[in-house]
C-alpha atoms as a PDB file:
ATOM      1  CA  UNK A   1     -10.117  12.831  15.796  1.00  0.00           C
ATOM      2  CA  UNK A   2     -13.059  14.422  17.572  1.00  0.00           C
ATOM      3  CA  UNK A   3     -13.059  17.331  15.076  1.00  0.00           C
ATOM      4  CA  UNK A   4     -13.922  15.043  12.161  1.00  0.00           C
ATOM      5  CA  UNK A   5     -17.582  15.325  11.229  1.00  0.00           C
ATOM      6  CA  UNK A   6     -19.156  12.463   9.307  1.00  0.00           C
ATOM      7  CA  UNK A   7     -22.601  12.352   7.736  1.00  0.00           C
ATOM      8  CA  UNK A   8     -23.776   8.949   6.533  1.00  0.00           C
ATOM      9  CA  UNK A   9     -26.669   6.971   5.116  1.00  0.00           C
ATOM     10  CA  UNK A  10     -27.392   3.380   4.137  1.00  0.00           C
ATOM     11  CA  UNK A  11     -29.972   1.439   2.166  1.00  0.00           C
ATOM     12  CA  UNK A  12     -30.567  -2.175   1.202  1.00  0.00           C
ATOM     13  CA  UNK A  13     -33.105  -4.101  -0.857  1.00  0.00           C
ATOM     14  CA  UNK A  14     -33.677  -7.793  -1.523  1.00  0.00           C
ATOM     15  CA  UNK A  15     -34.061  -7.062  -5.247  1.00  0.00           C
ATOM     16  CA  UNK A  16     -36.497  -8.589  -7.719  1.00  0.00           C
ATOM     17  CA  UNK A  17     -35.123 -12.132  -8.026  1.00  0.00           C
ATOM     18  CA  UNK A  18     -33.862 -13.432  -4.689  1.00  0.00           C
ATOM     19  CA  UNK A  19     -36.171 -14.450  -1.847  1.00  0.00           C
ATOM     20  CA  UNK A  20     -33.796 -13.578   0.998  1.00  0.00           C
ATOM     21  CA  UNK A  21     -31.619 -10.525   1.516  1.00  0.00           C
ATOM     22  CA  UNK A  22     -28.182 -12.007   2.239  1.00  0.00           C
ATOM     23  CA  UNK A  23     -26.496  -8.591   2.433  1.00  0.00           C
ATOM     24  CA  UNK A  24     -25.737  -6.955   5.773  1.00  0.00           C
ATOM     25  CA  UNK A  25     -24.334  -3.541   6.591  1.00  0.00           C
ATOM     26  CA  UNK A  26     -23.094  -1.378   9.442  1.00  0.00           C
ATOM     27  CA  UNK A  27     -23.066   2.407   9.569  1.00  0.00           C
ATOM     28  CA  UNK A  28     -21.806   3.273  13.041  1.00  0.00           C
ATOM     29  CA  UNK A  29     -18.824   5.678  13.246  1.00  0.00           C
ATOM     30  CA  UNK A  30     -15.961   5.228  13.082  1.00  0.00           C
ATOM     31  CA  UNK A  31     -16.665   2.002  11.183  1.00  0.00           C
ATOM     32  CA  UNK A  32     -18.743   1.361   8.056  1.00  0.00           C
ATOM     33  CA  UNK A  33     -19.258  -2.084   6.501  1.00  0.00           C
ATOM     34  CA  UNK A  34     -21.047  -3.863   3.668  1.00  0.00           C
ATOM     35  CA  UNK A  35     -21.032  -7.675   3.633  1.00  0.00           C
ATOM     36  CA  UNK A  36     -22.538  -9.662   0.773  1.00  0.00           C
ATOM     37  CA  UNK A  37     -23.488 -13.208   1.734  1.00  0.00           C
ATOM     38  CA  UNK A  38     -22.678 -15.417  -1.194  1.00  0.00           C
ATOM     39  CA  UNK A  39     -25.665 -16.606  -3.151  1.00  0.00           C
ATOM     40  CA  UNK A  40     -25.310 -20.108  -4.472  1.00  0.00           C
ATOM     41  CA  UNK A  41     -23.629 -21.209  -1.247  1.00  0.00           C
ATOM     42  CA  UNK A  42     -25.198 -22.029   2.116  1.00  0.00           C
ATOM     43  CA  UNK A  43     -26.735 -19.452   4.425  1.00  0.00           C
ATOM     44  CA  UNK A  44     -25.081 -16.382   3.025  1.00  0.00           C
ATOM     45  CA  UNK A  45     -27.290 -14.337   5.352  1.00  0.00           C
ATOM     46  CA  UNK A  46     -25.612 -15.958   8.372  1.00  0.00           C
ATOM     47  CA  UNK A  47     -22.150 -15.348   6.899  1.00  0.00           C
ATOM     48  CA  UNK A  48     -22.720 -11.636   6.239  1.00  0.00           C
ATOM     49  CA  UNK A  49     -24.314 -11.174   9.669  1.00  0.00           C
ATOM     50  CA  UNK A  50     -21.334 -12.769  11.421  1.00  0.00           C
ATOM     51  CA  UNK A  51     -18.946 -10.448   9.586  1.00  0.00           C
ATOM     52  CA  UNK A  52     -20.931  -7.340  10.515  1.00  0.00           C
ATOM     53  CA  UNK A  53     -21.337  -8.462  14.132  1.00  0.00           C
ATOM     54  CA  UNK A  54     -17.592  -8.875  14.563  1.00  0.00           C
ATOM     55  CA  UNK A  55     -16.740  -5.561  12.893  1.00  0.00           C
ATOM     56  CA  UNK A  56     -19.429  -3.799  14.967  1.00  0.00           C
ATOM     57  CA  UNK A  57     -17.131  -4.277  17.972  1.00  0.00           C
ATOM     58  CA  UNK A  58     -15.018  -1.473  16.489  1.00  0.00           C
ATOM     59  CA  UNK A  59     -17.830   1.098  16.762  1.00  0.00           C
ATOM     60  CA  UNK A  60     -17.430   4.107  19.066  1.00  0.00           C
ATOM     61  CA  UNK A  61     -13.665   3.604  19.494  1.00  0.00           C
ATOM     62  CA  UNK A  62     -10.643   5.768  18.678  1.00  0.00           C
ATOM     63  CA  UNK A  63      -7.851   4.146  16.669  1.00  0.00           C
ATOM     64  CA  UNK A  64      -4.409   4.933  15.376  1.00  0.00           C
ATOM     65  CA  UNK A  65      -3.240   3.126  12.264  1.00  0.00           C
ATOM     66  CA  UNK A  66      -1.611   0.218  14.061  1.00  0.00           C
ATOM     67  CA  UNK A  67      -4.469  -0.283  16.513  1.00  0.00           C
ATOM     68  CA  UNK A  68      -7.061   0.027  13.774  1.00  0.00           C
ATOM     69  CA  UNK A  69      -5.310  -2.468  11.519  1.00  0.00           C
ATOM     70  CA  UNK A  70      -4.944  -4.941  14.368  1.00  0.00           C
ATOM     71  CA  UNK A  71      -8.612  -4.498  15.320  1.00  0.00           C
ATOM     72  CA  UNK A  72      -9.792  -5.105  11.747  1.00  0.00           C
ATOM     73  CA  UNK A  73      -7.526  -8.134  11.388  1.00  0.00           C
ATOM     74  CA  UNK A  74      -8.890  -9.563  14.640  1.00  0.00           C
ATOM     75  CA  UNK A  75     -12.513  -8.926  13.658  1.00  0.00           C
ATOM     76  CA  UNK A  76     -12.110 -10.563  10.242  1.00  0.00           C
ATOM     77  CA  UNK A  77     -10.358 -13.552  11.808  1.00  0.00           C
ATOM     78  CA  UNK A  78     -13.114 -13.848  14.424  1.00  0.00           C
ATOM     79  CA  UNK A  79     -15.733 -13.860  11.671  1.00  0.00           C
ATOM     80  CA  UNK A  80     -13.764 -16.488   9.774  1.00  0.00           C
ATOM     81  CA  UNK A  81     -13.483 -18.672  12.878  1.00  0.00           C
ATOM     82  CA  UNK A  82     -17.233 -18.378  13.567  1.00  0.00           C
ATOM     83  CA  UNK A  83     -18.061 -19.317   9.983  1.00  0.00           C
ATOM     84  CA  UNK A  84     -15.854 -22.388  10.005  1.00  0.00           C
ATOM     85  CA  UNK A  85     -17.390 -23.464  13.326  1.00  0.00           C
ATOM     86  CA  UNK A  86     -20.867 -22.863  11.891  1.00  0.00           C
ATOM     87  CA  UNK A  87     -20.047 -25.035   8.885  1.00  0.00           C
ATOM     88  CA  UNK A  88     -18.946 -27.829  11.202  1.00  0.00           C
ATOM     89  CA  UNK A  89     -22.160 -27.539  13.256  1.00  0.00           C
ATOM     90  CA  UNK A  90     -24.316 -27.746  10.148  1.00  0.00           C
ATOM     91  CA  UNK A  91     -22.470 -30.770   8.817  1.00  0.00           C
ATOM     92  CA  UNK A  92     -22.775 -32.498  12.202  1.00  0.00           C
ATOM     93  CA  UNK A  93     -26.520 -31.745  12.098  1.00  0.00           C
ATOM     94  CA  UNK A  94     -26.903 -33.484   8.761  1.00  0.00           C
ATOM     95  CA  UNK A  95     -25.962 -30.923   6.129  1.00  0.00           C
ATOM     96  CA  UNK A  96     -23.843 -32.225   3.286  1.00  0.00           C
ATOM     97  CA  UNK A  97     -20.072 -32.425   3.440  1.00  0.00           C
ATOM     98  CA  UNK A  98     -19.861 -29.529   1.014  1.00  0.00           C
ATOM     99  CA  UNK A  99     -21.827 -27.128   3.245  1.00  0.00           C
ATOM    100  CA  UNK A 100     -20.017 -23.768   3.300  1.00  0.00           C
ATOM    101  CA  UNK A 101     -21.281 -20.311   4.272  1.00  0.00           C
ATOM    102  CA  UNK A 102     -19.323 -17.394   2.846  1.00  0.00           C
ATOM    103  CA  UNK A 103     -19.405 -13.638   2.447  1.00  0.00           C
ATOM    104  CA  UNK A 104     -17.535 -10.771   0.859  1.00  0.00           C
ATOM    105  CA  UNK A 105     -16.696  -7.717   2.986  1.00  0.00           C
ATOM    106  CA  UNK A 106     -15.741  -4.090   2.424  1.00  0.00           C
ATOM    107  CA  UNK A 107     -15.112  -1.723   5.307  1.00  0.00           C
ATOM    108  CA  UNK A 108     -13.926   1.764   6.179  1.00  0.00           C
ATOM    109  CA  UNK A 109     -12.484   2.617   9.595  1.00  0.00           C
ATOM    110  CA  UNK A 110     -11.532   6.125  10.663  1.00  0.00           C
ATOM    111  CA  UNK A 111      -7.982   6.103  12.065  1.00  0.00           C
ATOM    112  CA  UNK A 112      -5.462   8.688  13.188  1.00  0.00           C
ATOM    113  CA  UNK A 113      -1.966   8.590  11.698  1.00  0.00           C
ATOM    114  CA  UNK A 114       1.063  10.856  11.968  1.00  0.00           C
ATOM    115  CA  UNK A 115      -0.212  12.624   8.844  1.00  0.00           C
ATOM    116  CA  UNK A 116      -3.684  13.272  10.241  1.00  0.00           C
ATOM    117  CA  UNK A 117      -6.983  11.393  10.010  1.00  0.00           C
ATOM    118  CA  UNK A 118      -7.281   8.717   7.346  1.00  0.00           C
ATOM    119  CA  UNK A 119      -9.669   6.059   6.169  1.00  0.00           C
ATOM    120  CA  UNK A 120      -8.323   2.555   6.670  1.00  0.00           C
ATOM    121  CA  UNK A 121     -10.122   0.631   3.941  1.00  0.00           C
ATOM    122  CA  UNK A 122     -10.231  -3.133   3.401  1.00  0.00           C
ATOM    123  CA  UNK A 123     -11.905  -5.573   1.055  1.00  0.00           C
ATOM    124  CA  UNK A 124     -12.319  -9.310   0.678  1.00  0.00           C
ATOM    125  CA  UNK A 125     -14.167 -10.361  -2.464  1.00  0.00           C
ATOM    126  CA  UNK A 126     -15.969  -8.272  -5.065  1.00  0.00           C
ATOM    127  CA  UNK A 127     -17.954  -5.783  -2.991  1.00  0.00           C
ATOM    128  CA  UNK A 128     -16.547  -2.352  -3.732  1.00  0.00           C
ATOM    129  CA  UNK A 129     -15.267   0.896  -2.243  1.00  0.00           C
ATOM    130  CA  UNK A 130     -15.480   4.072  -4.322  1.00  0.00           C
ATOM    131  CA  UNK A 131     -14.318   7.571  -3.498  1.00  0.00           C
ATOM    132  CA  UNK A 132     -16.004  10.703  -4.825  1.00  0.00           C
ATOM    133  CA  UNK A 133     -13.884  13.837  -4.883  1.00  0.00           C
ATOM    134  CA  UNK A 134     -14.084  17.099  -6.830  1.00  0.00           C
ATOM    135  CA  UNK A 135     -16.649  15.640  -9.196  1.00  0.00           C
ATOM    136  CA  UNK A 136     -14.684  12.488  -9.997  1.00  0.00           C
ATOM    137  CA  UNK A 137     -15.548   8.873  -9.124  1.00  0.00           C
ATOM    138  CA  UNK A 138     -12.750   6.367  -8.522  1.00  0.00           C
ATOM    139  CA  UNK A 139     -12.975   2.705  -7.539  1.00  0.00           C
ATOM    140  CA  UNK A 140     -10.481   2.310  -4.692  1.00  0.00           C
ATOM    141  CA  UNK A 141     -10.781  -1.417  -3.992  1.00  0.00           C
ATOM    142  CA  UNK A 142      -9.744  -4.047  -6.512  1.00  0.00           C
ATOM    143  CA  UNK A 143     -12.177  -6.940  -6.963  1.00  0.00           C
ATOM    144  CA  UNK A 144     -11.035 -10.386  -5.895  1.00  0.00           C
ATOM    145  CA  UNK A 145     -12.732 -12.099  -8.798  1.00  0.00           C
ATOM    146  CA  UNK A 146     -12.012 -14.324 -11.749  1.00  0.00           C
ATOM    147  CA  UNK A 147     -12.860 -11.607 -14.268  1.00  0.00           C
ATOM    148  CA  UNK A 148     -10.584  -9.082 -12.522  1.00  0.00           C
ATOM    149  CA  UNK A 149      -7.718 -11.557 -12.868  1.00  0.00           C
ATOM    150  CA  UNK A 150      -8.536 -11.936 -16.564  1.00  0.00           C
ATOM    151  CA  UNK A 151      -8.568  -8.140 -16.957  1.00  0.00           C
ATOM    152  CA  UNK A 152      -5.245  -7.838 -15.122  1.00  0.00           C
ATOM    153  CA  UNK A 153      -3.777 -10.497 -17.421  1.00  0.00           C
ATOM    154  CA  UNK A 154      -4.969  -8.580 -20.481  1.00  0.00           C
ATOM    155  CA  UNK A 155      -7.194 -11.432 -21.643  1.00  0.00           C
ATOM    156  CA  UNK A 156     -10.459  -9.464 -21.473  1.00  0.00           C
ATOM    157  CA  UNK A 157     -11.419  -5.801 -21.186  1.00  0.00           C
ATOM    158  CA  UNK A 158     -13.332  -4.214 -18.299  1.00  0.00           C
ATOM    159  CA  UNK A 159     -16.343  -4.009 -20.632  1.00  0.00           C
ATOM    160  CA  UNK A 160     -16.025  -7.751 -21.304  1.00  0.00           C
ATOM    161  CA  UNK A 161     -15.860  -8.397 -17.556  1.00  0.00           C
ATOM    162  CA  UNK A 162     -19.176  -6.626 -16.981  1.00  0.00           C
ATOM    163  CA  UNK A 163     -21.027  -9.213 -19.094  1.00  0.00           C
ATOM    164  CA  UNK A 164     -18.761 -12.256 -18.621  1.00  0.00           C
ATOM    165  CA  UNK A 165     -20.702 -15.439 -17.638  1.00  0.00           C
ATOM    166  CA  UNK A 166     -18.291 -15.994 -14.713  1.00  0.00           C
ATOM    167  CA  UNK A 167     -18.345 -12.394 -13.464  1.00  0.00           C
ATOM    168  CA  UNK A 168     -19.764 -13.513 -10.086  1.00  0.00           C
ATOM    169  CA  UNK A 169     -16.943 -15.980  -9.332  1.00  0.00           C
ATOM    170  CA  UNK A 170     -14.884 -14.574  -6.445  1.00  0.00           C
ATOM    171  CA  UNK A 171     -11.342 -15.607  -5.575  1.00  0.00           C
ATOM    172  CA  UNK A 172     -11.417 -14.400  -1.962  1.00  0.00           C
ATOM    173  CA  UNK A 173     -14.143 -14.533   0.688  1.00  0.00           C
ATOM    174  CA  UNK A 174     -14.640 -15.081   4.391  1.00  0.00           C
ATOM    175  CA  UNK A 175     -15.726 -18.601   5.268  1.00  0.00           C
ATOM    176  CA  UNK A 176     -16.241 -21.186   2.634  1.00  0.00           C
ATOM    177  CA  UNK A 177     -13.968 -24.000   3.797  1.00  0.00           C
ATOM    178  CA  UNK A 178     -15.637 -26.304   1.294  1.00  0.00           C
ATOM    179  CA  UNK A 179     -15.932 -23.807  -1.543  1.00  0.00           C
ATOM    180  CA  UNK A 180     -14.444 -24.932  -4.845  1.00  0.00           C
ATOM    181  CA  UNK A 181     -10.963 -23.744  -5.677  1.00  0.00           C
ATOM    182  CA  UNK A 182      -8.386 -22.048  -3.479  1.00  0.00           C
ATOM    183  CA  UNK A 183     -10.597 -19.268  -2.105  1.00  0.00           C
ATOM    184  CA  UNK A 184      -8.588 -17.088   0.288  1.00  0.00           C
ATOM    185  CA  UNK A 185      -9.975 -14.928   3.079  1.00  0.00           C
ATOM    186  CA  UNK A 186      -7.040 -12.477   3.072  1.00  0.00           C
ATOM    187  CA  UNK A 187      -7.998  -8.806   2.955  1.00  0.00           C
ATOM    188  CA  UNK A 188      -6.372  -6.053   0.919  1.00  0.00           C
ATOM    189  CA  UNK A 189      -5.871  -2.761   2.780  1.00  0.00           C
ATOM    190  CA  UNK A 190      -5.782   0.825   1.555  1.00  0.00           C
ATOM    191  CA  UNK A 191      -5.002   4.033   3.405  1.00  0.00           C
ATOM    192  CA  UNK A 192      -6.850   7.113   2.193  1.00  0.00           C
ATOM    193  CA  UNK A 193      -6.467  10.654   3.585  1.00  0.00           C
ATOM    194  CA  UNK A 194      -9.857  11.891   4.712  1.00  0.00           C
ATOM    195  CA  UNK A 195      -9.498  15.043   2.665  1.00  0.00           C
ATOM    196  CA  UNK A 196      -8.957  12.949  -0.496  1.00  0.00           C
ATOM    197  CA  UNK A 197     -12.564  11.759  -0.445  1.00  0.00           C
ATOM    198  CA  UNK A 198     -15.471  14.109   0.019  1.00  0.00           C
ATOM    199  CA  UNK A 199     -17.691  11.051  -0.104  1.00  0.00           C
ATOM    200  CA  UNK A 200     -17.129   7.294   0.264  1.00  0.00           C
ATOM    201  CA  UNK A 201     -19.401   4.624  -1.203  1.00  0.00           C
ATOM    202  CA  UNK A 202     -19.337   1.028   0.019  1.00  0.00           C
ATOM    203  CA  UNK A 203     -21.616  -1.294  -1.944  1.00  0.00           C
ATOM    204  CA  UNK A 204     -22.406  -4.892  -2.778  1.00  0.00           C
ATOM    205  CA  UNK A 205     -22.182  -6.131  -6.353  1.00  0.00           C
ATOM    206  CA  UNK A 206     -25.965  -5.952  -6.436  1.00  0.00           C
ATOM    207  CA  UNK A 207     -25.347  -2.217  -6.948  1.00  0.00           C
ATOM    208  CA  UNK A 208     -22.074  -2.121  -8.905  1.00  0.00           C
ATOM    209  CA  UNK A 209     -23.159  -5.040 -11.085  1.00  0.00           C
ATOM    210  CA  UNK A 210     -26.465  -3.421 -12.032  1.00  0.00           C
ATOM    211  CA  UNK A 211     -25.522   0.272 -12.266  1.00  0.00           C
ATOM    212  CA  UNK A 212     -22.530   1.503 -14.258  1.00  0.00           C
ATOM    213  CA  UNK A 213     -19.966   3.960 -12.929  1.00  0.00           C
ATOM    214  CA  UNK A 214     -21.418   6.854 -14.924  1.00  0.00           C
ATOM    215  CA  UNK A 215     -24.779   6.374 -13.233  1.00  0.00           C
ATOM    216  CA  UNK A 216     -23.179   5.928  -9.807  1.00  0.00           C
ATOM    217  CA  UNK A 217     -21.283   9.194 -10.294  1.00  0.00           C
ATOM    218  CA  UNK A 218     -24.430  10.993 -11.418  1.00  0.00           C
ATOM    219  CA  UNK A 219     -26.333   9.840  -8.338  1.00  0.00           C
ATOM    220  CA  UNK A 220     -23.526  10.757  -5.942  1.00  0.00           C
ATOM    221  CA  UNK A 221     -23.375  14.203  -7.543  1.00  0.00           C
ATOM    222  CA  UNK A 222     -27.116  14.662  -7.506  1.00  0.00           C
ATOM    223  CA  UNK A 223     -27.926  14.118  -3.839  1.00  0.00           C
ATOM    224  CA  UNK A 224     -26.378  16.241  -1.095  1.00  0.00           C
ATOM    225  CA  UNK A 225     -27.753  14.108   1.736  1.00  0.00           C
ATOM    226  CA  UNK A 226     -25.900  10.749   1.964  1.00  0.00           C
ATOM    227  CA  UNK A 227     -29.138   9.065   3.071  1.00  0.00           C
ATOM    228  CA  UNK A 228     -30.833  10.168  -0.146  1.00  0.00           C
ATOM    229  CA  UNK A 229     -27.790   9.093  -2.198  1.00  0.00           C
ATOM    230  CA  UNK A 230     -27.820   5.603  -0.670  1.00  0.00           C
ATOM    231  CA  UNK A 231     -31.561   5.269  -1.271  1.00  0.00           C
ATOM    232  CA  UNK A 232     -31.183   6.408  -4.891  1.00  0.00           C
ATOM    233  CA  UNK A 233     -28.318   4.004  -5.613  1.00  0.00           C
ATOM    234  CA  UNK A 234     -30.253   1.013  -4.345  1.00  0.00           C
ATOM    235  CA  UNK A 235     -33.413   2.135  -6.135  1.00  0.00           C
ATOM    236  CA  UNK A 236     -31.428   2.453  -9.381  1.00  0.00           C
ATOM    237  CA  UNK A 237     -30.057  -1.082  -8.958  1.00  0.00           C
ATOM    238  CA  UNK A 238     -33.562  -2.462  -8.451  1.00  0.00           C
ATOM    239  CA  UNK A 239     -34.914  -0.460 -11.383  1.00  0.00           C
ATOM    240  CA  UNK A 240     -32.130  -1.866 -13.560  1.00  0.00           C
ATOM    241  CA  UNK A 241     -33.395  -5.398 -12.920  1.00  0.00           C
ATOM    242  CA  UNK A 242     -32.673  -6.132  -9.265  1.00  0.00           C
ATOM    243  CA  UNK A 243     -30.936  -9.409 -10.064  1.00  0.00           C
ATOM    244  CA  UNK A 244     -29.218  -9.512  -6.671  1.00  0.00           C
ATOM    245  CA  UNK A 245     -29.519  -8.057  -3.188  1.00  0.00           C
ATOM    246  CA  UNK A 246     -28.418  -4.416  -3.334  1.00  0.00           C
ATOM    247  CA  UNK A 247     -26.793  -2.491  -0.478  1.00  0.00           C
ATOM    248  CA  UNK A 248     -25.092   0.919  -0.343  1.00  0.00           C
ATOM    249  CA  UNK A 249     -23.444   2.855   2.489  1.00  0.00           C
ATOM    250  CA  UNK A 250     -22.547   6.497   1.742  1.00  0.00           C
ATOM    251  CA  UNK A 251     -20.283   8.502   4.070  1.00  0.00           C
ATOM    252  CA  UNK A 252     -19.533  12.216   3.745  1.00  0.00           C
ATOM    253  CA  UNK A 253     -16.552  13.933   5.333  1.00  0.00           C
ATOM    254  CA  UNK A 254     -17.573  17.451   6.264  1.00  0.00           C
ATOM    255  CA  UNK A 255     -15.315  20.480   6.574  1.00  0.00           C
ATOM    256  CA  UNK A 256     -11.851  19.169   5.582  1.00  0.00           C
ATOM    257  CA  UNK A 257      -9.517  20.866   3.090  1.00  0.00           C
ATOM    258  CA  UNK A 258      -8.289  19.027   0.004  1.00  0.00           C
ATOM    259  CA  UNK A 259      -4.775  17.549  -0.064  1.00  0.00           C
ATOM    260  CA  UNK A 260      -2.317  16.408  -2.718  1.00  0.00           C
ATOM    261  CA  UNK A 261      -3.610  14.098  -5.473  1.00  0.00           C
ATOM    262  CA  UNK A 262      -4.323  10.573  -4.245  1.00  0.00           C
ATOM    263  CA  UNK A 263      -2.816   7.538  -6.009  1.00  0.00           C
ATOM    264  CA  UNK A 264      -4.650   4.398  -4.866  1.00  0.00           C
ATOM    265  CA  UNK A 265      -1.971   1.929  -6.037  1.00  0.00           C
ATOM    266  CA  UNK A 266       0.843   3.856  -4.395  1.00  0.00           C
ATOM    267  CA  UNK A 267      -1.157   4.180  -1.190  1.00  0.00           C
ATOM    268  CA  UNK A 268      -1.897   0.427  -1.119  1.00  0.00           C
ATOM    269  CA  UNK A 269       1.741  -0.516  -1.634  1.00  0.00           C
ATOM    270  CA  UNK A 270       2.869   2.012   0.963  1.00  0.00           C
ATOM    271  CA  UNK A 271       0.428   0.646   3.523  1.00  0.00           C
ATOM    272  CA  UNK A 272       1.429  -2.948   2.844  1.00  0.00           C
ATOM    273  CA  UNK A 273       5.055  -1.976   3.442  1.00  0.00           C
ATOM    274  CA  UNK A 274       4.106  -0.258   6.702  1.00  0.00           C
ATOM    275  CA  UNK A 275       2.236  -3.363   7.797  1.00  0.00           C
ATOM    276  CA  UNK A 276       5.096  -5.647   6.862  1.00  0.00           C
ATOM    277  CA  UNK A 277       3.303  -7.395   4.003  1.00  0.00           C
ATOM    278  CA  UNK A 278       5.976  -6.255   1.554  1.00  0.00           C
ATOM    279  CA  UNK A 279       9.768  -6.019   1.963  1.00  0.00           C
END
């Protein structure tokens, strides 16, 4: 694990519409996080901060796959518990019965497995994880959103989803006990060999919703320094209209050889079987 060299950068911007930046991020090896406090709900800035604070407890540690998964599970549950307690405090202090703070989360944790170092990736909500490898961009995480469900059902196309009026409706999030619908806080996990991603991008939908994948790929290809790449991604989101808070964390893996082709769906199913989520 000590031989793995990571270079990383992060940037965030409130955007051109919102008054408060409700995004939060962490870039502290071996853990990287973006949390997007949910606009339209209550105190999204508190929700995203709680999530990052709990996941920050994983910084500076060494993890195997089992330990890392357990640590992430515990951190997400701790954030959820804090958010539900916060909601109760606010209601007791006079907030309405429907008060609910919530946040999406994406994270990457460096872990050691029997097959060598891997990224343990997780998402709740519609913040995204991309991998950049050999000049190709791939979205690794799958959005927990209404439009993604419509795409999966074949009722709309991905292009339709990008402009759908309900494209910001998420189906999973941390917190939000009083949010409408059956919003779940369960995370999806992915296991990615380090050598299968020269560069990782974690971002809020203030980036992925404002900048298309072609532009994201062009920026990732155009800046060698991950700090410059993160700055450029956020600047592009603001230049495209800045309708939401925009946050990007870019992580480069330095000095690893490439491995066999990576299949994100197969990797997700394999990990879920290892973790006992599937028979």
